[in-house]
Amino acid sequence: MADTFGVGIQLTETEFRVVVHVPSDIDSGWTDPEAFQQLVAEAVWDRLEKESVLRTVAEAAESGETVSLGTVTLDPDGSVVASDLSPPEPSDAE
């Protein structure tokens, strides 16, 4: 059974962080948090231009803010079932 995760980029004082919003009823097939985080990040950067997204977040967001990129739906085997991702507009982070 596939699960849908909200994805965003958080700007901190020193770095960008990929933030994944995990549903409370997540499939028990997700057992390795590090591998899971990597799968979500790869799915995002396979669909969005990383440099452009990070530049927009850096220019428009304040430290501590998270800019939403949309959702990714994954099977526990790592297959991307669906995605609804879009690069942020400068006004998205204000």
C-alpha atoms as a PDB file:
ATOM      1  CA  MET A   1       0.000   0.000   0.000  1.00  0.00           C
ATOM      2  CA  ALA A   2       1.418   3.389  -1.007  1.00  0.00           C
ATOM      3  CA  ASP A   3       1.675   6.355   1.336  1.00  0.00           C
ATOM      4  CA  THR A   4       1.554  10.061   0.451  1.00  0.00           C
ATOM      5  CA  PHE A   5       4.019  12.412   2.101  1.00  0.00           C
ATOM      6  CA  GLY A   6       4.066  16.191   2.137  1.00  0.00           C
ATOM      7  CA  VAL A   7       7.487  17.598   1.265  1.00  0.00           C
ATOM      8  CA  GLY A   8       9.053  20.988   1.909  1.00  0.00           C
ATOM      9  CA  ILE A   9      12.388  22.748   2.252  1.00  0.00           C
ATOM     10  CA  GLN A  10      13.234  24.330   5.589  1.00  0.00           C
ATOM     11  CA  LEU A  11      15.762  27.153   5.703  1.00  0.00           C
ATOM     12  CA  THR A  12      17.949  27.281   8.815  1.00  0.00           C
ATOM     13  CA  GLU A  13      20.789  29.637   9.702  1.00  0.00           C
ATOM     14  CA  THR A  14      23.326  27.250   8.147  1.00  0.00           C
ATOM     15  CA  GLU A  15      21.553  24.832   5.795  1.00  0.00           C
ATOM     16  CA  PHE A  16      18.548  23.678   3.821  1.00  0.00           C
ATOM     17  CA  ARG A  17      16.610  20.669   5.115  1.00  0.00           C
ATOM     18  CA  VAL A  18      14.221  18.453   3.223  1.00  0.00           C
ATOM     19  CA  VAL A  19      11.215  18.149   5.540  1.00  0.00           C
ATOM     20  CA  VAL A  20       8.839  15.208   5.155  1.00  0.00           C
ATOM     21  CA  HIS A  21       5.377  15.262   6.697  1.00  0.00           C
ATOM     22  CA  VAL A  22       4.525  11.662   7.559  1.00  0.00           C
ATOM     23  CA  PRO A  23       0.864  10.620   7.852  1.00  0.00           C
ATOM     24  CA  SER A  24      -0.203   9.092  11.157  1.00  0.00           C
ATOM     25  CA  ASP A  25      -1.514   5.965   9.416  1.00  0.00           C
ATOM     26  CA  ILE A  26       1.763   5.196   7.591  1.00  0.00           C
ATOM     27  CA  ASP A  27       2.298   1.687   6.216  1.00  0.00           C
ATOM     28  CA  SER A  28       4.399  -0.494   8.500  1.00  0.00           C
ATOM     29  CA  GLY A  29       6.666  -1.356   5.545  1.00  0.00           C
ATOM     30  CA  TRP A  30       8.739   1.764   6.226  1.00  0.00           C
ATOM     31  CA  THR A  31      11.359   0.478   8.667  1.00  0.00           C
ATOM     32  CA  ASP A  32      14.555   2.420   7.892  1.00  0.00           C
ATOM     33  CA  PRO A  33      14.102   6.181   8.515  1.00  0.00           C
ATOM     34  CA  GLU A  34      17.395   7.136   6.843  1.00  0.00           C
ATOM     35  CA  ALA A  35      16.663   5.135   3.680  1.00  0.00           C
ATOM     36  CA  PHE A  36      13.119   6.529   3.661  1.00  0.00           C
ATOM     37  CA  GLN A  37      14.381  10.130   3.890  1.00  0.00           C
ATOM     38  CA  GLN A  38      16.813   9.461   1.031  1.00  0.00           C
ATOM     39  CA  LEU A  39      14.040   7.987  -1.152  1.00  0.00           C
ATOM     40  CA  VAL A  40      11.842  11.030  -0.636  1.00  0.00           C
ATOM     41  CA  ALA A  41      14.716  13.441  -1.366  1.00  0.00           C
ATOM     42  CA  GLU A  42      15.652  11.533  -4.528  1.00  0.00           C
ATOM     43  CA  ALA A  43      12.026  11.577  -5.694  1.00  0.00           C
ATOM     44  CA  VAL A  44      11.894  15.351  -5.188  1.00  0.00           C
ATOM     45  CA  TRP A  45      15.179  16.129  -6.948  1.00  0.00           C
ATOM     46  CA  ASP A  46      14.352  13.762  -9.833  1.00  0.00           C
ATOM     47  CA  ARG A  47      11.294  15.940 -10.511  1.00  0.00           C
ATOM     48  CA  LEU A  48      12.440  19.450  -9.554  1.00  0.00           C
ATOM     49  CA  GLU A  49      15.594  21.416 -10.392  1.00  0.00           C
ATOM     50  CA  LYS A  50      17.458  21.450  -7.087  1.00  0.00           C
ATOM     51  CA  GLU A  51      19.592  24.570  -7.592  1.00  0.00           C
ATOM     52  CA  SER A  52      16.641  26.684  -8.703  1.00  0.00           C
ATOM     53  CA  VAL A  53      14.432  25.505  -5.810  1.00  0.00           C
ATOM     54  CA  LEU A  54      17.108  26.169  -3.191  1.00  0.00           C
ATOM     55  CA  ARG A  55      17.899  29.582  -4.663  1.00  0.00           C
ATOM     56  CA  THR A  56      14.231  30.593  -4.502  1.00  0.00           C
ATOM     57  CA  VAL A  57      13.920  29.389  -0.906  1.00  0.00           C
ATOM     58  CA  ALA A  58      17.106  31.249   0.096  1.00  0.00           C
ATOM     59  CA  GLU A  59      15.898  34.482  -1.500  1.00  0.00           C
ATOM     60  CA  ALA A  60      12.320  34.402  -0.267  1.00  0.00           C
ATOM     61  CA  ALA A  61      12.242  32.572   3.079  1.00  0.00           C
ATOM     62  CA  GLU A  62      13.365  33.615   6.542  1.00  0.00           C
ATOM     63  CA  SER A  63      15.429  31.316   8.731  1.00  0.00           C
ATOM     64  CA  GLY A  64      13.140  28.757  10.353  1.00  0.00           C
ATOM     65  CA  GLU A  65      10.509  28.859   7.608  1.00  0.00           C
ATOM     66  CA  THR A  66       9.507  25.811   5.584  1.00  0.00           C
ATOM     67  CA  VAL A  67       8.420  26.188   1.968  1.00  0.00           C
ATOM     68  CA  SER A  68       6.057  23.487   0.693  1.00  0.00           C
ATOM     69  CA  LEU A  69       6.907  21.679  -2.542  1.00  0.00           C
ATOM     70  CA  GLY A  70       3.874  19.374  -2.650  1.00  0.00           C
ATOM     71  CA  THR A  71       3.482  15.639  -2.189  1.00  0.00           C
ATOM     72  CA  VAL A  72       5.131  12.363  -3.163  1.00  0.00           C
ATOM     73  CA  THR A  73       3.385   8.990  -3.009  1.00  0.00           C
ATOM     74  CA  LEU A  74       5.714   6.027  -2.468  1.00  0.00           C
ATOM     75  CA  ASP A  75       5.381   2.278  -2.106  1.00  0.00           C
ATOM     76  CA  PRO A  76       7.456   0.763   0.716  1.00  0.00           C
ATOM     77  CA  ASP A  77       9.725  -0.760  -1.964  1.00  0.00           C
ATOM     78  CA  GLY A  78      10.718   2.804  -2.915  1.00  0.00           C
ATOM     79  CA  SER A  79       8.696   3.063  -6.123  1.00  0.00           C
ATOM     80  CA  VAL A  80       7.185   6.470  -6.794  1.00  0.00           C
ATOM     81  CA  VAL A  81       3.489   5.923  -7.409  1.00  0.00           C
ATOM     82  CA  ALA A  82       2.582   9.587  -7.928  1.00  0.00           C
ATOM     83  CA  SER A  83       3.847  13.080  -7.280  1.00  0.00           C
ATOM     84  CA  ASP A  84       2.347  16.525  -7.137  1.00  0.00           C
ATOM     85  CA  LEU A  85       5.450  18.690  -6.788  1.00  0.00           C
ATOM     86  CA  SER A  86       6.096  22.196  -8.012  1.00  0.00           C
ATOM     87  CA  PRO A  87       8.928  24.645  -7.498  1.00  0.00           C
ATOM     88  CA  PRO A  88       8.165  27.453  -5.081  1.00  0.00           C
ATOM     89  CA  GLU A  89       7.350  30.906  -6.321  1.00  0.00           C
ATOM     90  CA  PRO A  90       9.021  33.749  -4.455  1.00  0.00           C
ATOM     91  CA  SER A  91       5.640  34.709  -2.962  1.00  0.00           C
ATOM     92  CA  ASP A  92       5.157  31.117  -1.588  1.00  0.00           C
ATOM     93  CA  ALA A  93       7.815  31.707   1.049  1.00  0.00           C
ATOM     94  CA  GLU A  94       6.654  35.104   2.246  1.00  0.00           C
END
